[in-house]
C-alpha cells in the first residue's frame, strides 16, 4: 500500500505525523511525503520542517492520499499544482483522505460535492461552502473519501483504514506498538465536553490568518 501525504507551508505537524506513524508501522505499507518540489516544508508553528522526499509527478497514483490541515490551507485551496494532483490521483486511489482543515483542500479540488465530511469543529459548518454535508463526527467515510476531525483525529482515521485494508489484528498490533491508549488529564477535547469559555481562546491558538 503506497500512501502519499502532500506538504504545503504552515501545515499542522500532527495532522501529517499522526497518520504517518500509524501507516508507516503497518507491514507492507510505504508512506511518502510529497510536494510540488522536494525539500523541507515548514509547519504552522515555524519550529518543525518535514521533508518532501518526492514530487507530485513522482507519485501520480498512490493507493491512499492523506491531506493534512493547518493555517496553510487558506493558501493551499488556491494551490493549483496541489489541487490538480489531488484530483488526478483520486481517480486511482483506494482512499482519498484528509485531517482537520485538509478537508477544504479536498473541497477545493471538487471532491466533496454532495458528500458527508468533517473537519475541525471550529470550521465544520463552513464545509457546506465547498458542497459537502457537514457531519460532526471524529471520522467520516463517504465512499472512497474519508475525512477526520481536528488534528489528533488523524490517528483514529489511520487506524480505521489499516483495519479495513489489512485486518483488525494488524491494526490492533500497530495500535499496541505505538501504545495508543488515550487517557487525557482533562475532558476538554470537544466543544461538548469543554467549558464553553475555552472555545474562543482555543481557536485563537490555531492562528488561521
N, C-alpha and C. Protein backbone atom coordinates (compact mmCIF):
# COMPACT_ATOMS: atom_id res chain seq x y z
N UNK A 1 0.86 -1.19 0.00
CA UNK A 1 0.00 0.00 0.00
C UNK A 1 0.89 1.23 0.00
N UNK A 2 0.73 2.07 -1.01
CA UNK A 2 1.51 3.30 -1.14
C UNK A 2 0.69 4.48 -0.68
N UNK A 3 1.17 5.18 0.35
CA UNK A 3 0.48 6.33 0.91
C UNK A 3 1.27 7.59 0.59
N UNK A 4 0.58 8.63 0.13
CA UNK A 4 1.22 9.92 -0.15
C UNK A 4 0.59 10.99 0.73
N UNK A 5 1.43 11.75 1.41
CA UNK A 5 0.98 12.86 2.26
C UNK A 5 1.56 14.15 1.68
N UNK A 6 0.72 14.99 1.05
CA UNK A 6 1.25 16.24 0.49
C UNK A 6 1.53 17.26 1.59
N UNK A 7 2.62 17.96 1.42
CA UNK A 7 3.01 19.01 2.36
C UNK A 7 2.89 20.37 1.69
N UNK A 8 2.50 21.36 2.46
CA UNK A 8 2.44 22.73 1.99
C UNK A 8 2.78 23.63 3.17
N UNK A 9 3.24 24.83 2.95
CA UNK A 9 3.65 25.70 4.06
C UNK A 9 2.55 25.91 5.08
N UNK A 10 2.93 25.84 6.37
CA UNK A 10 2.05 26.09 7.51
C UNK A 10 0.99 24.99 7.69
N UNK A 11 1.39 23.75 7.38
CA UNK A 11 0.55 22.61 7.75
C UNK A 11 0.71 22.37 9.25
N UNK A 12 -0.24 21.66 9.87
CA UNK A 12 -0.12 21.30 11.28
C UNK A 12 0.58 19.95 11.38
N UNK A 13 1.63 19.90 12.16
CA UNK A 13 2.52 18.74 12.16
C UNK A 13 1.81 17.44 12.50
N UNK A 14 0.98 17.42 13.56
CA UNK A 14 0.35 16.17 13.97
C UNK A 14 -0.64 15.67 12.92
N UNK A 15 -1.22 16.57 12.15
CA UNK A 15 -2.11 16.15 11.07
C UNK A 15 -1.41 15.19 10.12
N UNK A 16 -0.14 15.46 9.88
CA UNK A 16 0.65 14.63 8.97
C UNK A 16 1.35 13.49 9.70
N UNK A 17 1.94 13.80 10.84
CA UNK A 17 2.78 12.82 11.54
C UNK A 17 1.97 11.73 12.20
N UNK A 18 0.75 12.05 12.68
CA UNK A 18 -0.09 11.03 13.29
C UNK A 18 -0.41 9.90 12.33
N UNK A 19 -1.05 10.20 11.18
CA UNK A 19 -1.31 9.15 10.19
C UNK A 19 -0.02 8.50 9.66
N UNK A 20 1.02 9.32 9.48
CA UNK A 20 2.30 8.77 9.01
C UNK A 20 2.78 7.66 9.94
N UNK A 21 2.77 7.91 11.24
CA UNK A 21 3.29 6.93 12.19
C UNK A 21 2.49 5.64 12.14
N UNK A 22 1.16 5.76 12.15
CA UNK A 22 0.32 4.57 12.10
C UNK A 22 0.58 3.77 10.83
N UNK A 23 0.58 4.43 9.70
CA UNK A 23 0.70 3.74 8.43
C UNK A 23 2.11 3.24 8.17
N UNK A 24 3.10 4.00 8.62
CA UNK A 24 4.49 3.57 8.42
C UNK A 24 4.83 2.35 9.26
N UNK A 25 4.12 2.15 10.39
CA UNK A 25 4.31 0.97 11.22
C UNK A 25 3.62 -0.26 10.64
N UNK A 26 2.76 -0.07 9.67
CA UNK A 26 1.98 -1.18 9.13
C UNK A 26 2.80 -1.97 8.11
N UNK A 27 2.96 -3.28 8.30
CA UNK A 27 3.75 -4.08 7.37
C UNK A 27 3.22 -3.98 5.93
N UNK A 28 4.13 -3.75 5.01
CA UNK A 28 3.76 -3.67 3.60
C UNK A 28 3.29 -2.31 3.14
N UNK A 29 3.22 -1.35 4.04
CA UNK A 29 2.80 0.00 3.68
C UNK A 29 4.01 0.91 3.59
N UNK A 30 4.02 1.76 2.58
CA UNK A 30 5.07 2.77 2.41
C UNK A 30 4.44 4.14 2.41
N UNK A 31 4.97 5.04 3.20
CA UNK A 31 4.42 6.39 3.30
C UNK A 31 5.47 7.40 2.82
N UNK A 32 5.05 8.26 1.91
CA UNK A 32 5.96 9.25 1.34
C UNK A 32 5.36 10.65 1.45
N UNK A 33 6.15 11.58 1.96
CA UNK A 33 5.75 12.98 1.93
C UNK A 33 6.07 13.54 0.55
N UNK A 34 5.09 14.23 -0.05
CA UNK A 34 5.27 14.75 -1.40
C UNK A 34 5.01 16.25 -1.42
N UNK A 35 5.49 16.89 -2.46
CA UNK A 35 5.28 18.32 -2.63
C UNK A 35 5.47 18.72 -4.08
N UNK A 36 5.23 19.98 -4.37
CA UNK A 36 5.45 20.47 -5.73
C UNK A 36 6.92 20.30 -6.11
N UNK A 37 7.78 20.40 -5.12
CA UNK A 37 9.20 20.13 -5.30
C UNK A 37 9.72 19.47 -4.02
N UNK A 38 10.82 18.79 -4.13
CA UNK A 38 11.37 18.13 -2.96
C UNK A 38 12.04 19.14 -2.03
N UNK A 39 12.18 18.75 -0.75
CA UNK A 39 12.84 19.61 0.21
C UNK A 39 11.99 19.84 1.44
N UNK A 40 12.54 20.58 2.42
CA UNK A 40 11.84 20.80 3.68
C UNK A 40 10.66 21.75 3.53
N UNK A 41 9.62 21.48 4.31
CA UNK A 41 8.42 22.34 4.34
C UNK A 41 8.15 22.66 5.80
N UNK A 42 8.01 23.95 6.10
CA UNK A 42 7.88 24.41 7.48
C UNK A 42 6.43 24.30 7.95
N UNK A 43 6.26 23.88 9.20
CA UNK A 43 4.92 23.72 9.77
C UNK A 43 4.34 25.05 10.22
N UNK A 44 3.13 24.99 10.82
CA UNK A 44 2.42 26.21 11.16
C UNK A 44 3.04 26.98 12.33
N UNK A 45 3.83 26.32 13.15
CA UNK A 45 4.45 27.00 14.29
C UNK A 45 5.87 27.46 13.99
N UNK A 46 6.37 27.14 12.84
CA UNK A 46 7.67 27.62 12.42
C UNK A 46 8.85 26.96 13.11
N UNK A 47 8.58 25.86 13.82
CA UNK A 47 9.67 25.20 14.55
C UNK A 47 9.99 23.81 14.06
N UNK A 48 9.25 23.32 13.06
CA UNK A 48 9.44 21.96 12.58
C UNK A 48 9.29 21.92 11.08
N UNK A 49 10.20 21.24 10.42
CA UNK A 49 10.08 21.01 8.98
C UNK A 49 10.01 19.52 8.71
N UNK A 50 9.16 19.14 7.81
CA UNK A 50 9.16 17.79 7.26
C UNK A 50 9.67 17.88 5.83
N UNK A 51 10.28 16.82 5.36
CA UNK A 51 10.90 16.84 4.05
C UNK A 51 10.04 16.13 3.02
N UNK A 52 9.67 16.84 1.98
CA UNK A 52 9.02 16.21 0.84
C UNK A 52 10.09 15.44 0.08
N UNK A 53 9.99 14.12 0.13
CA UNK A 53 11.02 13.27 -0.49
C UNK A 53 10.75 13.01 -1.96
N UNK A 54 9.55 13.35 -2.41
CA UNK A 54 9.18 13.13 -3.80
C UNK A 54 8.26 14.26 -4.26
N UNK A 55 8.18 14.44 -5.56
CA UNK A 55 7.28 15.44 -6.12
C UNK A 55 5.95 14.79 -6.46
N UNK A 56 4.96 15.63 -6.75
CA UNK A 56 3.66 15.10 -7.17
C UNK A 56 3.82 14.21 -8.40
N UNK A 57 4.68 14.63 -9.31
CA UNK A 57 4.87 13.85 -10.53
C UNK A 57 5.49 12.49 -10.24
N UNK A 58 6.25 12.40 -9.16
CA UNK A 58 6.88 11.12 -8.82
C UNK A 58 5.87 10.09 -8.33
N UNK A 59 4.76 10.54 -7.74
CA UNK A 59 3.75 9.64 -7.19
C UNK A 59 2.36 10.00 -7.75
N UNK A 60 2.13 9.72 -9.01
CA UNK A 60 0.85 10.10 -9.61
C UNK A 60 -0.32 9.20 -9.21
N UNK A 61 -0.02 7.98 -8.71
CA UNK A 61 -1.10 7.03 -8.44
C UNK A 61 -0.93 6.34 -7.09
N UNK A 62 -0.91 7.07 -6.00
CA UNK A 62 -0.83 6.42 -4.69
C UNK A 62 -2.13 5.68 -4.38
N UNK A 63 -2.04 4.71 -3.48
CA UNK A 63 -3.24 4.00 -3.04
C UNK A 63 -4.06 4.84 -2.07
N UNK A 64 -3.36 5.64 -1.29
CA UNK A 64 -4.01 6.46 -0.28
C UNK A 64 -3.39 7.86 -0.30
N UNK A 65 -4.24 8.88 -0.23
CA UNK A 65 -3.80 10.26 -0.05
C UNK A 65 -4.26 10.71 1.32
N UNK A 66 -3.39 11.38 2.06
CA UNK A 66 -3.76 11.98 3.34
C UNK A 66 -3.38 13.46 3.28
N UNK A 67 -4.37 14.33 3.18
CA UNK A 67 -4.11 15.76 3.12
C UNK A 67 -4.19 16.34 4.53
N UNK A 68 -3.09 16.84 5.07
CA UNK A 68 -3.13 17.45 6.41
C UNK A 68 -3.79 18.83 6.36
N UNK A 69 -4.19 19.30 7.54
CA UNK A 69 -4.74 20.64 7.63
C UNK A 69 -3.75 21.60 8.26
N UNK A 70 -4.26 22.74 8.70
CA UNK A 70 -3.42 23.76 9.29
C UNK A 70 -3.76 25.11 8.70
N UNK A 71 -3.22 26.18 9.29
CA UNK A 71 -3.48 27.52 8.77
C UNK A 71 -3.12 27.68 7.30
N UNK A 72 -2.17 26.89 6.83
CA UNK A 72 -1.75 26.99 5.43
C UNK A 72 -2.81 26.58 4.44
N UNK A 73 -3.91 25.97 4.91
CA UNK A 73 -4.96 25.62 3.96
C UNK A 73 -5.61 26.85 3.34
N UNK A 74 -5.49 28.00 4.01
CA UNK A 74 -6.04 29.23 3.44
C UNK A 74 -5.40 29.55 2.10
N UNK A 75 -4.13 29.18 1.95
CA UNK A 75 -3.44 29.35 0.68
C UNK A 75 -3.50 28.08 -0.17
N UNK A 76 -3.49 26.93 0.49
CA UNK A 76 -3.45 25.66 -0.24
C UNK A 76 -4.69 25.45 -1.11
N UNK A 77 -5.82 26.03 -0.71
CA UNK A 77 -7.04 25.86 -1.52
C UNK A 77 -6.94 26.59 -2.86
N UNK A 78 -5.90 27.38 -3.04
CA UNK A 78 -5.66 28.05 -4.32
C UNK A 78 -4.40 27.52 -5.02
N UNK A 79 -3.83 26.47 -4.47
CA UNK A 79 -2.58 25.90 -4.99
C UNK A 79 -2.91 24.92 -6.12
N UNK A 80 -2.90 25.40 -7.34
CA UNK A 80 -3.34 24.57 -8.47
C UNK A 80 -2.51 23.30 -8.67
N UNK A 81 -1.16 23.33 -8.53
CA UNK A 81 -0.43 22.07 -8.65
C UNK A 81 -0.89 21.02 -7.63
N UNK A 82 -1.14 21.46 -6.39
CA UNK A 82 -1.64 20.54 -5.37
C UNK A 82 -3.03 20.05 -5.72
N UNK A 83 -3.94 20.96 -6.08
CA UNK A 83 -5.31 20.57 -6.38
C UNK A 83 -5.39 19.66 -7.59
N UNK A 84 -4.60 19.95 -8.61
CA UNK A 84 -4.60 19.09 -9.80
C UNK A 84 -4.10 17.70 -9.48
N UNK A 85 -3.05 17.62 -8.64
CA UNK A 85 -2.53 16.31 -8.26
C UNK A 85 -3.58 15.53 -7.47
N UNK A 86 -4.26 16.19 -6.53
CA UNK A 86 -5.29 15.52 -5.74
C UNK A 86 -6.39 15.01 -6.66
N UNK A 87 -6.85 15.84 -7.58
CA UNK A 87 -7.93 15.43 -8.50
C UNK A 87 -7.52 14.21 -9.33
N UNK A 88 -6.34 14.30 -9.91
CA UNK A 88 -5.90 13.23 -10.81
C UNK A 88 -5.55 11.96 -10.06
N UNK A 89 -4.90 12.10 -8.90
CA UNK A 89 -4.54 10.91 -8.12
C UNK A 89 -5.79 10.25 -7.56
N UNK A 90 -6.80 11.05 -7.22
CA UNK A 90 -8.03 10.50 -6.65
C UNK A 90 -8.70 9.49 -7.59
N UNK A 91 -8.51 9.64 -8.87
CA UNK A 91 -9.12 8.73 -9.83
C UNK A 91 -8.64 7.29 -9.65
N UNK A 92 -7.49 7.14 -8.97
CA UNK A 92 -6.89 5.81 -8.84
C UNK A 92 -6.74 5.34 -7.40
N UNK A 93 -7.08 6.17 -6.43
CA UNK A 93 -6.84 5.80 -5.03
C UNK A 93 -7.85 4.78 -4.53
N UNK A 94 -7.45 4.07 -3.49
CA UNK A 94 -8.42 3.29 -2.72
C UNK A 94 -9.16 4.23 -1.77
N UNK A 95 -8.40 5.15 -1.17
CA UNK A 95 -8.99 6.17 -0.32
C UNK A 95 -8.30 7.50 -0.54
N UNK A 96 -9.08 8.57 -0.57
CA UNK A 96 -8.57 9.93 -0.56
C UNK A 96 -9.06 10.54 0.74
N UNK A 97 -8.12 10.98 1.57
CA UNK A 97 -8.47 11.36 2.94
C UNK A 97 -7.90 12.72 3.32
N UNK A 98 -8.42 13.23 4.44
CA UNK A 98 -7.91 14.49 4.97
C UNK A 98 -7.99 14.47 6.48
N UNK A 99 -7.23 15.35 7.09
CA UNK A 99 -7.26 15.56 8.53
C UNK A 99 -7.51 17.03 8.78
N UNK A 100 -8.41 17.33 9.73
CA UNK A 100 -8.68 18.71 10.12
C UNK A 100 -9.09 19.55 8.91
N UNK A 101 -8.53 20.72 8.73
CA UNK A 101 -8.94 21.59 7.63
C UNK A 101 -8.43 21.14 6.28
N UNK A 102 -7.70 20.03 6.24
CA UNK A 102 -7.32 19.46 4.95
C UNK A 102 -8.53 19.11 4.11
N UNK A 103 -9.69 18.95 4.76
CA UNK A 103 -10.91 18.67 4.00
C UNK A 103 -11.26 19.80 3.04
N UNK A 104 -10.86 21.02 3.38
CA UNK A 104 -11.14 22.14 2.48
C UNK A 104 -10.31 22.06 1.20
N UNK A 105 -9.15 21.41 1.28
CA UNK A 105 -8.37 21.16 0.07
C UNK A 105 -9.10 20.16 -0.81
N UNK A 106 -9.64 19.11 -0.19
CA UNK A 106 -10.45 18.16 -0.97
C UNK A 106 -11.64 18.87 -1.59
N UNK A 107 -12.26 19.76 -0.80
CA UNK A 107 -13.39 20.51 -1.33
C UNK A 107 -13.01 21.41 -2.48
N UNK A 108 -11.86 22.09 -2.35
CA UNK A 108 -11.40 22.97 -3.42
C UNK A 108 -11.07 22.20 -4.69
N UNK A 109 -10.71 20.93 -4.52
CA UNK A 109 -10.44 20.06 -5.68
C UNK A 109 -11.72 19.50 -6.28
N UNK A 110 -12.86 19.83 -5.66
CA UNK A 110 -14.15 19.39 -6.19
C UNK A 110 -14.57 18.00 -5.78
N UNK A 111 -13.97 17.46 -4.73
CA UNK A 111 -14.22 16.07 -4.36
C UNK A 111 -15.30 15.88 -3.30
N UNK A 112 -15.78 16.96 -2.69
CA UNK A 112 -16.72 16.81 -1.57
C UNK A 112 -18.16 17.16 -1.93
N UNK A 113 -18.44 17.49 -3.16
CA UNK A 113 -19.79 17.90 -3.53
C UNK A 113 -20.78 16.77 -3.28
N UNK A 114 -21.77 17.08 -2.43
CA UNK A 114 -22.79 16.10 -2.12
C UNK A 114 -22.35 14.98 -1.21
N UNK A 115 -21.18 15.12 -0.59
CA UNK A 115 -20.66 14.06 0.27
C UNK A 115 -20.69 14.49 1.74
N UNK A 116 -20.82 13.49 2.62
CA UNK A 116 -20.64 13.73 4.05
C UNK A 116 -19.16 13.95 4.32
N UNK A 117 -18.85 14.89 5.18
CA UNK A 117 -17.44 15.16 5.51
C UNK A 117 -17.36 15.87 6.85
N UNK A 118 -16.18 15.83 7.44
CA UNK A 118 -15.95 16.53 8.69
C UNK A 118 -14.64 17.30 8.63
N UNK A 119 -14.41 18.08 9.67
CA UNK A 119 -13.19 18.87 9.80
C UNK A 119 -13.10 19.30 11.26
N UNK A 120 -12.18 20.18 11.56
CA UNK A 120 -12.09 20.74 12.92
C UNK A 120 -13.42 21.38 13.30
N UNK A 121 -13.82 21.21 14.55
CA UNK A 121 -15.12 21.71 15.00
C UNK A 121 -15.32 23.20 14.75
N UNK A 122 -14.22 23.97 14.77
CA UNK A 122 -14.34 25.41 14.61
C UNK A 122 -14.77 25.85 13.22
N UNK A 123 -14.60 24.95 12.23
CA UNK A 123 -14.92 25.32 10.85
C UNK A 123 -15.86 24.32 10.20
N UNK A 124 -16.50 23.49 11.01
CA UNK A 124 -17.33 22.41 10.47
C UNK A 124 -18.42 22.93 9.53
N UNK A 125 -19.17 23.91 9.99
CA UNK A 125 -20.30 24.37 9.18
C UNK A 125 -19.86 25.01 7.87
N UNK A 126 -18.62 25.48 7.81
CA UNK A 126 -18.13 26.10 6.59
C UNK A 126 -17.91 25.08 5.47
N UNK A 127 -17.92 23.79 5.80
CA UNK A 127 -17.76 22.77 4.76
C UNK A 127 -18.89 22.83 3.74
N UNK A 128 -20.04 23.33 4.13
CA UNK A 128 -21.14 23.43 3.17
C UNK A 128 -20.77 24.37 2.02
N UNK A 129 -19.83 25.27 2.27
CA UNK A 129 -19.39 26.19 1.23
C UNK A 129 -18.63 25.53 0.10
N UNK A 130 -18.13 24.31 0.33
CA UNK A 130 -17.46 23.57 -0.74
C UNK A 130 -18.32 22.39 -1.19
N UNK A 131 -19.60 22.47 -0.86
CA UNK A 131 -20.55 21.48 -1.36
C UNK A 131 -20.73 20.25 -0.50
N UNK A 132 -20.06 20.18 0.64
CA UNK A 132 -20.15 18.99 1.49
C UNK A 132 -21.33 19.09 2.44
N UNK A 133 -21.71 17.93 3.00
CA UNK A 133 -22.68 17.88 4.08
C UNK A 133 -21.90 17.73 5.38
N UNK A 134 -21.81 18.78 6.21
CA UNK A 134 -21.01 18.71 7.43
C UNK A 134 -21.56 17.67 8.41
N UNK A 135 -20.67 16.84 8.93
CA UNK A 135 -21.04 15.82 9.90
C UNK A 135 -20.09 15.94 11.10
N UNK A 136 -20.66 16.13 12.28
CA UNK A 136 -19.85 16.35 13.47
C UNK A 136 -19.41 15.05 14.12
N UNK A 137 -18.66 14.25 13.40
CA UNK A 137 -18.10 13.01 13.92
C UNK A 137 -16.59 13.02 13.77
N UNK A 138 -15.92 12.14 14.51
CA UNK A 138 -14.46 12.13 14.53
C UNK A 138 -13.87 11.65 13.21
N UNK A 139 -14.47 10.63 12.62
CA UNK A 139 -14.05 10.13 11.31
C UNK A 139 -15.31 9.89 10.49
N UNK A 140 -15.33 10.40 9.27
CA UNK A 140 -16.49 10.27 8.40
C UNK A 140 -16.05 9.63 7.09
N UNK A 141 -16.73 8.56 6.71
CA UNK A 141 -16.44 7.86 5.46
C UNK A 141 -17.62 8.01 4.52
N UNK A 142 -17.34 8.45 3.31
CA UNK A 142 -18.36 8.53 2.26
C UNK A 142 -17.73 7.99 0.99
N UNK A 143 -17.95 6.71 0.73
CA UNK A 143 -17.31 6.07 -0.40
C UNK A 143 -15.80 6.00 -0.20
N UNK A 144 -15.06 6.51 -1.17
CA UNK A 144 -13.60 6.49 -1.09
C UNK A 144 -13.04 7.74 -0.41
N UNK A 145 -13.93 8.64 0.01
CA UNK A 145 -13.50 9.85 0.70
C UNK A 145 -13.64 9.63 2.20
N UNK A 146 -12.54 9.83 2.92
CA UNK A 146 -12.55 9.68 4.38
C UNK A 146 -11.97 10.96 4.97
N UNK A 147 -12.73 11.60 5.84
CA UNK A 147 -12.26 12.84 6.46
C UNK A 147 -12.22 12.66 7.97
N UNK A 148 -11.22 13.26 8.59
CA UNK A 148 -11.07 13.20 10.05
C UNK A 148 -11.24 14.60 10.62
N UNK A 149 -11.72 14.66 11.85
CA UNK A 149 -11.92 15.94 12.53
C UNK A 149 -10.55 16.54 12.91
N UNK A 150 -10.52 17.36 13.94
CA UNK A 150 -9.32 18.12 14.24
C UNK A 150 -8.10 17.30 14.65
N UNK A 151 -6.99 17.60 14.05
CA UNK A 151 -5.62 17.23 14.42
C UNK A 151 -5.45 15.77 14.88
N UNK A 152 -5.73 15.49 16.14
CA UNK A 152 -5.46 14.16 16.69
C UNK A 152 -6.34 13.09 16.07
N UNK A 153 -7.46 13.48 15.45
CA UNK A 153 -8.37 12.50 14.85
C UNK A 153 -7.72 11.76 13.69
N UNK A 154 -6.64 12.29 13.15
CA UNK A 154 -5.95 11.60 12.07
C UNK A 154 -5.40 10.25 12.48
N UNK A 155 -5.05 10.10 13.75
CA UNK A 155 -4.57 8.80 14.24
C UNK A 155 -5.70 7.79 14.19
N UNK A 156 -6.88 8.18 14.65
CA UNK A 156 -8.04 7.29 14.62
C UNK A 156 -8.37 6.90 13.18
N UNK A 157 -8.37 7.87 12.29
CA UNK A 157 -8.67 7.59 10.89
C UNK A 157 -7.68 6.59 10.30
N UNK A 158 -6.40 6.81 10.56
CA UNK A 158 -5.38 5.92 10.01
C UNK A 158 -5.55 4.50 10.52
N UNK A 159 -5.82 4.36 11.80
CA UNK A 159 -6.04 3.02 12.35
C UNK A 159 -7.27 2.35 11.73
N UNK A 160 -8.31 3.12 11.48
CA UNK A 160 -9.51 2.54 10.87
C UNK A 160 -9.22 2.06 9.45
N UNK A 161 -8.43 2.81 8.70
CA UNK A 161 -8.09 2.41 7.34
C UNK A 161 -7.20 1.18 7.33
N UNK A 162 -6.23 1.14 8.25
CA UNK A 162 -5.38 -0.05 8.35
C UNK A 162 -6.24 -1.27 8.70
N UNK A 163 -7.20 -1.09 9.60
CA UNK A 163 -8.07 -2.19 9.97
C UNK A 163 -8.86 -2.71 8.80
N UNK A 164 -9.35 -1.80 7.96
CA UNK A 164 -10.16 -2.22 6.81
C UNK A 164 -9.31 -2.87 5.74
N UNK A 165 -8.10 -2.34 5.51
CA UNK A 165 -7.26 -2.86 4.43
C UNK A 165 -6.45 -4.08 4.84
N UNK A 166 -5.96 -4.07 6.08
CA UNK A 166 -5.04 -5.14 6.50
C UNK A 166 -5.61 -6.03 7.59
N UNK A 167 -6.82 -5.73 8.06
CA UNK A 167 -7.45 -6.55 9.08
C UNK A 167 -7.32 -5.96 10.47
N UNK A 168 -8.30 -6.28 11.30
CA UNK A 168 -8.31 -5.72 12.66
C UNK A 168 -7.10 -6.15 13.47
N UNK A 169 -6.63 -7.37 13.26
CA UNK A 169 -5.48 -7.84 14.05
C UNK A 169 -4.26 -6.98 13.76
N UNK A 170 -4.03 -6.66 12.49
CA UNK A 170 -2.89 -5.81 12.13
C UNK A 170 -3.05 -4.43 12.72
N UNK A 171 -4.26 -3.86 12.61
CA UNK A 171 -4.50 -2.53 13.15
C UNK A 171 -4.31 -2.50 14.66
N UNK A 172 -4.78 -3.53 15.33
CA UNK A 172 -4.61 -3.61 16.78
C UNK A 172 -3.15 -3.78 17.16
N UNK A 173 -2.41 -4.51 16.34
CA UNK A 173 -0.98 -4.69 16.60
C UNK A 173 -0.25 -3.36 16.47
N UNK A 174 -0.59 -2.59 15.44
CA UNK A 174 0.01 -1.26 15.28
C UNK A 174 -0.38 -0.37 16.45
N UNK A 175 -1.64 -0.40 16.85
CA UNK A 175 -2.08 0.41 17.97
C UNK A 175 -1.31 0.08 19.23
N UNK A 176 -1.07 -1.21 19.45
CA UNK A 176 -0.30 -1.62 20.62
C UNK A 176 1.16 -1.20 20.49
N UNK A 177 1.70 -1.31 19.29
CA UNK A 177 3.11 -0.95 19.07
C UNK A 177 3.36 0.52 19.38
N UNK A 178 2.41 1.37 19.01
CA UNK A 178 2.60 2.80 19.27
C UNK A 178 1.97 3.22 20.61
N UNK A 179 1.44 2.22 21.34
CA UNK A 179 0.81 2.45 22.65
C UNK A 179 -0.20 3.59 22.59
N UNK A 180 -1.10 3.48 21.64
CA UNK A 180 -2.14 4.48 21.50
C UNK A 180 -3.31 4.09 22.40
N UNK A 181 -3.33 4.65 23.58
CA UNK A 181 -4.37 4.38 24.57
C UNK A 181 -4.66 5.68 25.30
N UNK A 182 -5.34 6.61 24.63
CA UNK A 182 -5.50 7.96 25.19
C UNK A 182 -6.19 7.97 26.55
N UNK A 183 -5.58 8.66 27.47
CA UNK A 183 -6.17 8.92 28.79
C UNK A 183 -5.88 10.38 29.14
N UNK A 184 -6.54 11.32 28.45
CA UNK A 184 -6.24 12.73 28.67
C UNK A 184 -6.53 13.16 30.10
N UNK A 185 -5.74 14.07 30.63
CA UNK A 185 -5.95 14.52 32.01
C UNK A 185 -7.19 15.39 32.17
N UNK A 186 -7.72 15.89 31.05
CA UNK A 186 -8.90 16.75 31.09
C UNK A 186 -9.90 16.29 30.04
N UNK A 187 -11.17 16.45 30.32
CA UNK A 187 -12.22 16.13 29.36
C UNK A 187 -12.61 17.40 28.60
N UNK A 188 -11.64 17.94 27.88
CA UNK A 188 -11.86 19.21 27.18
C UNK A 188 -11.53 19.09 25.70
N UNK A 189 -11.64 17.88 25.17
CA UNK A 189 -11.22 17.65 23.80
C UNK A 189 -12.26 17.96 22.74
N UNK A 190 -13.50 18.23 23.14
CA UNK A 190 -14.54 18.59 22.18
C UNK A 190 -15.36 19.74 22.75
N UNK A 191 -16.06 20.48 21.90
CA UNK A 191 -16.92 21.56 22.42
C UNK A 191 -18.01 21.04 23.36
N UNK A 192 -18.40 19.78 23.21
CA UNK A 192 -19.44 19.23 24.06
C UNK A 192 -18.98 19.01 25.49
N UNK A 193 -17.67 18.73 25.66
CA UNK A 193 -17.17 18.40 26.99
C UNK A 193 -16.35 19.52 27.61
N UNK A 194 -15.86 20.46 26.82
CA UNK A 194 -15.02 21.54 27.34
C UNK A 194 -15.86 22.68 27.90
N UNK A 195 -15.35 23.42 28.88
CA UNK A 195 -16.04 24.62 29.34
C UNK A 195 -16.25 25.58 28.17
N UNK A 196 -17.43 26.14 28.00
CA UNK A 196 -17.73 26.96 26.82
C UNK A 196 -16.82 28.17 26.65
N UNK A 197 -16.30 28.68 27.76
CA UNK A 197 -15.44 29.86 27.65
C UNK A 197 -14.08 29.57 27.02
N UNK A 198 -13.78 28.29 26.80
CA UNK A 198 -12.49 27.92 26.20
C UNK A 198 -12.51 27.96 24.68
N UNK A 199 -13.70 28.01 24.07
CA UNK A 199 -13.78 27.90 22.62
C UNK A 199 -13.02 29.00 21.90
N UNK A 200 -13.24 30.25 22.30
CA UNK A 200 -12.59 31.37 21.61
C UNK A 200 -11.07 31.33 21.76
N UNK A 201 -10.52 31.18 22.98
CA UNK A 201 -9.06 31.10 23.07
C UNK A 201 -8.48 29.87 22.39
N UNK A 202 -9.23 28.76 22.35
CA UNK A 202 -8.73 27.57 21.65
C UNK A 202 -8.57 27.84 20.16
N UNK A 203 -9.57 28.47 19.57
CA UNK A 203 -9.47 28.81 18.16
C UNK A 203 -8.35 29.81 17.91
N UNK A 204 -8.11 30.69 18.89
CA UNK A 204 -7.02 31.66 18.76
C UNK A 204 -5.66 31.01 18.70
N UNK A 205 -5.52 29.84 19.32
CA UNK A 205 -4.24 29.13 19.28
C UNK A 205 -3.90 28.62 17.90
N UNK A 206 -4.93 28.42 17.08
CA UNK A 206 -4.70 27.84 15.76
C UNK A 206 -4.19 28.85 14.77
N UNK A 207 -4.50 30.13 14.98
CA UNK A 207 -3.91 31.21 14.18
C UNK A 207 -4.23 31.07 12.68
N UNK A 208 -5.52 30.97 12.36
CA UNK A 208 -5.94 30.93 10.96
C UNK A 208 -5.98 32.34 10.40
N UNK A 209 -4.84 32.84 10.01
CA UNK A 209 -4.76 34.19 9.43
C UNK A 209 -3.92 34.16 8.17
